[in-house]
Amino acid sequence: MITTNKKILKYLYAALLLLQVGCSNMSERDKSTAVGAGAGALGGAILTGGSPVGTVGGAAVGGYIGHEVAKPK
């Protein structure tokens, strides 16, 4: 039986692989937004015990932060 942590890591690796393949023609700002949204969704899901509202909220906050961090100076 696979523990929950190993399952999470397995899905995270799969998501990172898809992210690398799917984002090859995106701008740096778009990539930062996508990475921020993914990290925020994961964080929101963990903090709220898998609540859909927490996951979507985390994705929104993470995407916004990733978008703002990559702003041209």
PDB file of N, CA and C in Angstrom:
ATOM      1  N   MET A   1       0.840  -1.190   0.000  1.00  0.00           N
ATOM      2  CA  MET A   1       0.000   0.000   0.000  1.00  0.00           C
ATOM      3  C   MET A   1       0.879   1.246   0.000  1.00  0.00           C
ATOM      4  N   ILE A   2       0.544   2.175  -0.854  1.00  0.00           N
ATOM      5  CA  ILE A   2       1.307   3.411  -0.952  1.00  0.00           C
ATOM      6  C   ILE A   2       0.763   4.399   0.075  1.00  0.00           C
ATOM      7  N   THR A   3       1.669   5.041   0.818  1.00  0.00           N
ATOM      8  CA  THR A   3       1.224   6.028   1.796  1.00  0.00           C
ATOM      9  C   THR A   3       0.748   7.287   1.083  1.00  0.00           C
ATOM     10  N   THR A   4       0.024   8.105   1.806  1.00  0.00           N
ATOM     11  CA  THR A   4      -0.523   9.337   1.233  1.00  0.00           C
ATOM     12  C   THR A   4       0.586  10.252   0.736  1.00  0.00           C
ATOM     13  N   ASN A   5       1.680  10.370   1.480  1.00  0.00           N
ATOM     14  CA  ASN A   5       2.776  11.252   1.063  1.00  0.00           C
ATOM     15  C   ASN A   5       3.393  10.784  -0.247  1.00  0.00           C
ATOM     16  N   LYS A   6       3.531   9.480  -0.419  1.00  0.00           N
ATOM     17  CA  LYS A   6       4.098   8.969  -1.671  1.00  0.00           C
ATOM     18  C   LYS A   6       3.136   9.211  -2.829  1.00  0.00           C
ATOM     19  N   LYS A   7       1.844   9.112  -2.581  1.00  0.00           N
ATOM     20  CA  LYS A   7       0.865   9.401  -3.630  1.00  0.00           C
ATOM     21  C   LYS A   7       0.953  10.862  -4.047  1.00  0.00           C
ATOM     22  N   ILE A   8       1.049  11.736  -3.066  1.00  0.00           N
ATOM     23  CA  ILE A   8       1.141  13.170  -3.363  1.00  0.00           C
ATOM     24  C   ILE A   8       2.389  13.458  -4.189  1.00  0.00           C
ATOM     25  N   LEU A   9       3.516  12.868  -3.808  1.00  0.00           N
ATOM     26  CA  LEU A   9       4.752  13.085  -4.556  1.00  0.00           C
ATOM     27  C   LEU A   9       4.640  12.549  -5.983  1.00  0.00           C
ATOM     28  N   LYS A  10       3.985  11.410  -6.135  1.00  0.00           N
ATOM     29  CA  LYS A  10       3.804  10.827  -7.465  1.00  0.00           C
ATOM     30  C   LYS A  10       2.991  11.767  -8.357  1.00  0.00           C
ATOM     31  N   TYR A  11       1.908  12.311  -7.836  1.00  0.00           N
ATOM     32  CA  TYR A  11       1.091  13.241  -8.609  1.00  0.00           C
ATOM     33  C   TYR A  11       1.824  14.549  -8.872  1.00  0.00           C
ATOM     34  N   LEU A  12       2.600  15.003  -7.907  1.00  0.00           N
ATOM     35  CA  LEU A  12       3.361  16.230  -8.075  1.00  0.00           C
ATOM     36  C   LEU A  12       4.395  16.082  -9.188  1.00  0.00           C
ATOM     37  N   TYR A  13       5.091  14.953  -9.216  1.00  0.00           N
ATOM     38  CA  TYR A  13       6.069  14.714 -10.286  1.00  0.00           C
ATOM     39  C   TYR A  13       5.400  14.666 -11.651  1.00  0.00           C
ATOM     40  N   ALA A  14       4.246  14.016 -11.719  1.00  0.00           N
ATOM     41  CA  ALA A  14       3.523  13.943 -12.986  1.00  0.00           C
ATOM     42  C   ALA A  14       3.086  15.334 -13.437  1.00  0.00           C
ATOM     43  N   ALA A  15       2.606  16.144 -12.490  1.00  0.00           N
ATOM     44  CA  ALA A  15       2.182  17.507 -12.822  1.00  0.00           C
ATOM     45  C   ALA A  15       3.355  18.354 -13.289  1.00  0.00           C
ATOM     46  N   LEU A  16       4.496  18.211 -12.646  1.00  0.00           N
ATOM     47  CA  LEU A  16       5.677  18.978 -13.051  1.00  0.00           C
ATOM     48  C   LEU A  16       6.139  18.582 -14.448  1.00  0.00           C
ATOM     49  N   LEU A  17       6.061  17.296 -14.748  1.00  0.00           N
ATOM     50  CA  LEU A  17       6.446  16.841 -16.088  1.00  0.00           C
ATOM     51  C   LEU A  17       5.511  17.432 -17.137  1.00  0.00           C
ATOM     52  N   LEU A  18       4.219  17.393 -16.879  1.00  0.00           N
ATOM     53  CA  LEU A  18       3.260  17.973 -17.825  1.00  0.00           C
ATOM     54  C   LEU A  18       3.445  19.474 -17.950  1.00  0.00           C
ATOM     55  N   LEU A  19       3.779  20.123 -16.857  1.00  0.00           N
ATOM     56  CA  LEU A  19       3.998  21.559 -16.881  1.00  0.00           C
ATOM     57  C   LEU A  19       5.179  21.917 -17.772  1.00  0.00           C
ATOM     58  N   GLN A  20       6.246  21.149 -17.689  1.00  0.00           N
ATOM     59  CA  GLN A  20       7.415  21.421 -18.517  1.00  0.00           C
ATOM     60  C   GLN A  20       7.105  21.243 -19.998  1.00  0.00           C
ATOM     61  N   VAL A  21       6.370  20.212 -20.326  1.00  0.00           N
ATOM     62  CA  VAL A  21       6.054  19.937 -21.721  1.00  0.00           C
ATOM     63  C   VAL A  21       5.052  20.960 -22.259  1.00  0.00           C
ATOM     64  N   GLY A  22       4.045  21.274 -21.476  1.00  0.00           N
ATOM     65  CA  GLY A  22       2.977  22.155 -21.939  1.00  0.00           C
ATOM     66  C   GLY A  22       3.339  23.623 -21.976  1.00  0.00           C
ATOM     67  N   CYS A  23       4.387  24.024 -21.307  1.00  0.00           N
ATOM     68  CA  CYS A  23       4.721  25.447 -21.201  1.00  0.00           C
ATOM     69  C   CYS A  23       5.929  25.845 -22.040  1.00  0.00           C
ATOM     70  N   SER A  24       6.290  25.047 -23.013  1.00  0.00           N
ATOM     71  CA  SER A  24       7.514  25.325 -23.754  1.00  0.00           C
ATOM     72  C   SER A  24       7.446  26.605 -24.586  1.00  0.00           C
ATOM     73  N   ASN A  25       6.253  27.018 -25.008  1.00  0.00           N
ATOM     74  CA  ASN A  25       6.159  28.230 -25.827  1.00  0.00           C
ATOM     75  C   ASN A  25       5.523  29.393 -25.077  1.00  0.00           C
ATOM     76  N   MET A  26       5.481  29.325 -23.759  1.00  0.00           N
ATOM     77  CA  MET A  26       4.891  30.395 -22.949  1.00  0.00           C
ATOM     78  C   MET A  26       5.956  31.416 -22.564  1.00  0.00           C
ATOM     79  N   SER A  27       5.511  32.644 -22.301  1.00  0.00           N
ATOM     80  CA  SER A  27       6.440  33.668 -21.826  1.00  0.00           C
ATOM     81  C   SER A  27       6.815  33.363 -20.372  1.00  0.00           C
ATOM     82  N   GLU A  28       7.848  34.009 -19.898  1.00  0.00           N
ATOM     83  CA  GLU A  28       8.286  33.807 -18.512  1.00  0.00           C
ATOM     84  C   GLU A  28       7.189  34.199 -17.530  1.00  0.00           C
ATOM     85  N   ARG A  29       6.457  35.254 -17.853  1.00  0.00           N
ATOM     86  CA  ARG A  29       5.386  35.706 -16.967  1.00  0.00           C
ATOM     87  C   ARG A  29       4.251  34.683 -16.922  1.00  0.00           C
ATOM     88  N   ASP A  30       3.922  34.111 -18.061  1.00  0.00           N
ATOM     89  CA  ASP A  30       2.889  33.079 -18.105  1.00  0.00           C
ATOM     90  C   ASP A  30       3.322  31.843 -17.323  1.00  0.00           C
ATOM     91  N   LYS A  31       4.589  31.474 -17.468  1.00  0.00           N
ATOM     92  CA  LYS A  31       5.103  30.320 -16.726  1.00  0.00           C
ATOM     93  C   LYS A  31       5.045  30.572 -15.220  1.00  0.00           C
ATOM     94  N   SER A  32       5.430  31.769 -14.792  1.00  0.00           N
ATOM     95  CA  SER A  32       5.388  32.102 -13.370  1.00  0.00           C
ATOM     96  C   SER A  32       3.959  32.068 -12.835  1.00  0.00           C
ATOM     97  N   THR A  33       3.014  32.525 -13.639  1.00  0.00           N
ATOM     98  CA  THR A  33       1.613  32.490 -13.241  1.00  0.00           C
ATOM     99  C   THR A  33       1.139  31.049 -13.080  1.00  0.00           C
ATOM    100  N   ALA A  34       1.480  30.198 -14.030  1.00  0.00           N
ATOM    101  CA  ALA A  34       1.063  28.796 -13.976  1.00  0.00           C
ATOM    102  C   ALA A  34       1.700  28.064 -12.792  1.00  0.00           C
ATOM    103  N   VAL A  35       2.977  28.291 -12.568  1.00  0.00           N
ATOM    104  CA  VAL A  35       3.657  27.652 -11.437  1.00  0.00           C
ATOM    105  C   VAL A  35       3.066  28.148 -10.126  1.00  0.00           C
ATOM    106  N   GLY A  36       2.813  29.435 -10.023  1.00  0.00           N
ATOM    107  CA  GLY A  36       2.210  29.989  -8.816  1.00  0.00           C
ATOM    108  C   GLY A  36       0.827  29.419  -8.554  1.00  0.00           C
ATOM    109  N   ALA A  37       0.038  29.268  -9.614  1.00  0.00           N
ATOM    110  CA  ALA A  37      -1.303  28.699  -9.457  1.00  0.00           C
ATOM    111  C   ALA A  37      -1.236  27.243  -9.008  1.00  0.00           C
ATOM    112  N   GLY A  38      -0.314  26.495  -9.576  1.00  0.00           N
ATOM    113  CA  GLY A  38      -0.157  25.091  -9.176  1.00  0.00           C
ATOM    114  C   GLY A  38       0.296  24.949  -7.740  1.00  0.00           C
ATOM    115  N   ALA A  39       1.286  25.750  -7.359  1.00  0.00           N
ATOM    116  CA  ALA A  39       1.773  25.701  -5.984  1.00  0.00           C
ATOM    117  C   ALA A  39       0.702  26.181  -5.010  1.00  0.00           C
ATOM    118  N   GLY A  40      -0.033  27.204  -5.389  1.00  0.00           N
ATOM    119  CA  GLY A  40      -1.104  27.705  -4.537  1.00  0.00           C
ATOM    120  C   GLY A  40      -2.221  26.695  -4.367  1.00  0.00           C
ATOM    121  N   ALA A  41      -2.566  25.988  -5.450  1.00  0.00           N
ATOM    122  CA  ALA A  41      -3.605  24.958  -5.371  1.00  0.00           C
ATOM    123  C   ALA A  41      -3.170  23.836  -4.448  1.00  0.00           C
ATOM    124  N   LEU A  42      -1.930  23.417  -4.579  1.00  0.00           N
ATOM    125  CA  LEU A  42      -1.406  22.359  -3.714  1.00  0.00           C
ATOM    126  C   LEU A  42      -1.393  22.815  -2.261  1.00  0.00           C
ATOM    127  N   GLY A  43      -0.915  24.024  -2.020  1.00  0.00           N
ATOM    128  CA  GLY A  43      -0.892  24.562  -0.661  1.00  0.00           C
ATOM    129  C   GLY A  43      -2.289  24.725  -0.085  1.00  0.00           C
ATOM    130  N   GLY A  44      -3.202  25.238  -0.886  1.00  0.00           N
ATOM    131  CA  GLY A  44      -4.579  25.408  -0.428  1.00  0.00           C
ATOM    132  C   GLY A  44      -5.237  24.085  -0.101  1.00  0.00           C
ATOM    133  N   ALA A  45      -4.977  23.075  -0.918  1.00  0.00           N
ATOM    134  CA  ALA A  45      -5.550  21.751  -0.669  1.00  0.00           C
ATOM    135  C   ALA A  45      -4.994  21.147   0.608  1.00  0.00           C
ATOM    136  N   ILE A  46      -3.704  21.311   0.827  1.00  0.00           N
ATOM    137  CA  ILE A  46      -3.092  20.756   2.037  1.00  0.00           C
ATOM    138  C   ILE A  46      -3.593  21.481   3.283  1.00  0.00           C
ATOM    139  N   LEU A  47      -3.648  22.804   3.223  1.00  0.00           N
ATOM    140  CA  LEU A  47      -4.056  23.577   4.398  1.00  0.00           C
ATOM    141  C   LEU A  47      -5.517  23.389   4.770  1.00  0.00           C
ATOM    142  N   THR A  48      -6.369  23.100   3.781  1.00  0.00           N
ATOM    143  CA  THR A  48      -7.795  22.965   4.074  1.00  0.00           C
ATOM    144  C   THR A  48      -8.275  21.517   4.044  1.00  0.00           C
ATOM    145  N   GLY A  49      -7.361  20.577   3.993  1.00  0.00           N
ATOM    146  CA  GLY A  49      -7.741  19.176   4.012  1.00  0.00           C
ATOM    147  C   GLY A  49      -8.407  18.714   2.732  1.00  0.00           C
ATOM    148  N   GLY A  50      -8.078  19.322   1.606  1.00  0.00           N
ATOM    149  CA  GLY A  50      -8.632  18.917   0.326  1.00  0.00           C
ATOM    150  C   GLY A  50      -9.925  19.600  -0.058  1.00  0.00           C
ATOM    151  N   SER A  51     -10.287  20.656   0.644  1.00  0.00           N
ATOM    152  CA  SER A  51     -11.509  21.386   0.330  1.00  0.00           C
ATOM    153  C   SER A  51     -11.406  22.008  -1.061  1.00  0.00           C
ATOM    154  N   PRO A  52     -12.438  21.848  -1.891  1.00  0.00           N
ATOM    155  CA  PRO A  52     -12.389  22.468  -3.225  1.00  0.00           C
ATOM    156  C   PRO A  52     -12.257  23.992  -3.165  1.00  0.00           C
ATOM    157  N   VAL A  53     -12.913  24.607  -2.201  1.00  0.00           N
ATOM    158  CA  VAL A  53     -12.827  26.064  -2.063  1.00  0.00           C
ATOM    159  C   VAL A  53     -11.400  26.476  -1.703  1.00  0.00           C
ATOM    160  N   GLY A  54     -10.767  25.737  -0.811  1.00  0.00           N
ATOM    161  CA  GLY A  54      -9.386  26.031  -0.431  1.00  0.00           C
ATOM    162  C   GLY A  54      -8.425  25.832  -1.585  1.00  0.00           C
ATOM    163  N   THR A  55      -8.662  24.796  -2.384  1.00  0.00           N
ATOM    164  CA  THR A  55      -7.804  24.514  -3.533  1.00  0.00           C
ATOM    165  C   THR A  55      -7.925  25.609  -4.590  1.00  0.00           C
ATOM    166  N   VAL A  56      -9.149  25.998  -4.908  1.00  0.00           N
ATOM    167  CA  VAL A  56      -9.369  27.044  -5.911  1.00  0.00           C
ATOM    168  C   VAL A  56      -8.862  28.389  -5.394  1.00  0.00           C
ATOM    169  N   GLY A  57      -9.113  28.670  -4.129  1.00  0.00           N
ATOM    170  CA  GLY A  57      -8.623  29.916  -3.538  1.00  0.00           C
ATOM    171  C   GLY A  57      -7.112  29.982  -3.544  1.00  0.00           C
ATOM    172  N   GLY A  58      -6.478  28.872  -3.189  1.00  0.00           N
ATOM    173  CA  GLY A  58      -5.011  28.819  -3.218  1.00  0.00           C
ATOM    174  C   GLY A  58      -4.464  29.005  -4.615  1.00  0.00           C
ATOM    175  N   ALA A  59      -5.132  28.415  -5.601  1.00  0.00           N
ATOM    176  CA  ALA A  59      -4.697  28.566  -6.992  1.00  0.00           C
ATOM    177  C   ALA A  59      -4.816  30.021  -7.442  1.00  0.00           C
ATOM    178  N   ALA A  60      -5.902  30.669  -7.051  1.00  0.00           N
ATOM    179  CA  ALA A  60      -6.094  32.068  -7.435  1.00  0.00           C
ATOM    180  C   ALA A  60      -5.026  32.963  -6.813  1.00  0.00           C
ATOM    181  N   VAL A  61      -4.786  32.784  -5.531  1.00  0.00           N
ATOM    182  CA  VAL A  61      -3.774  33.599  -4.841  1.00  0.00           C
ATOM    183  C   VAL A  61      -2.384  33.308  -5.391  1.00  0.00           C
ATOM    184  N   GLY A  62      -2.061  32.029  -5.568  1.00  0.00           N
ATOM    185  CA  GLY A  62      -0.749  31.657  -6.098  1.00  0.00           C
ATOM    186  C   GLY A  62      -0.532  32.161  -7.512  1.00  0.00           C
ATOM    187  N   GLY A  63      -1.563  32.079  -8.340  1.00  0.00           N
ATOM    188  CA  GLY A  63      -1.450  32.584  -9.710  1.00  0.00           C
ATOM    189  C   GLY A  63      -1.220  34.083  -9.747  1.00  0.00           C
ATOM    190  N   TYR A  64      -1.915  34.804  -8.882  1.00  0.00           N
ATOM    191  CA  TYR A  64      -1.736  36.256  -8.813  1.00  0.00           C
ATOM    192  C   TYR A  64      -0.318  36.606  -8.364  1.00  0.00           C
ATOM    193  N   ILE A  65       0.159  35.912  -7.344  1.00  0.00           N
ATOM    194  CA  ILE A  65       1.513  36.183  -6.848  1.00  0.00           C
ATOM    195  C   ILE A  65       2.545  35.857  -7.927  1.00  0.00           C
ATOM    196  N   GLY A  66       2.396  34.710  -8.595  1.00  0.00           N
ATOM    197  CA  GLY A  66       3.320  34.352  -9.666  1.00  0.00           C
ATOM    198  C   GLY A  66       3.301  35.357 -10.805  1.00  0.00           C
ATOM    199  N   HIS A  67       2.132  35.878 -11.113  1.00  0.00           N
ATOM    200  CA  HIS A  67       1.994  36.875 -12.177  1.00  0.00           C
ATOM    201  C   HIS A  67       2.700  38.174 -11.792  1.00  0.00           C
ATOM    202  N   GLU A  68       2.534  38.591 -10.549  1.00  0.00           N
ATOM    203  CA  GLU A  68       3.132  39.846 -10.097  1.00  0.00           C
ATOM    204  C   GLU A  68       4.652  39.737  -9.913  1.00  0.00           C
ATOM    205  N   VAL A  69       5.132  38.578  -9.507  1.00  0.00           N
ATOM    206  CA  VAL A  69       6.573  38.401  -9.300  1.00  0.00           C
ATOM    207  C   VAL A  69       7.319  38.520 -10.622  1.00  0.00           C
ATOM    208  N   ALA A  70       6.714  38.063 -11.699  1.00  0.00           N
ATOM    209  CA  ALA A  70       7.378  38.064 -12.999  1.00  0.00           C
ATOM    210  C   ALA A  70       7.180  39.357 -13.790  1.00  0.00           C
ATOM    211  N   LYS A  71       6.643  40.398 -13.163  1.00  0.00           N
ATOM    212  CA  LYS A  71       6.443  41.677 -13.858  1.00  0.00           C
ATOM    213  C   LYS A  71       7.775  42.235 -14.342  1.00  0.00           C
ATOM    214  N   PRO A  72       7.781  42.790 -15.536  1.00  0.00           N
ATOM    215  CA  PRO A  72       9.017  43.454 -15.995  1.00  0.00           C
ATOM    216  C   PRO A  72       9.318  44.654 -15.099  1.00  0.00           C
ATOM    217  N   LYS A  73      10.557  44.831 -14.830  1.00  0.00           N
ATOM    218  CA  LYS A  73      10.950  45.929 -13.922  1.00  0.00           C
ATOM    219  C   LYS A  73      11.187  47.194 -14.667  1.00  0.00           C
TER     220      LYS A  73
END
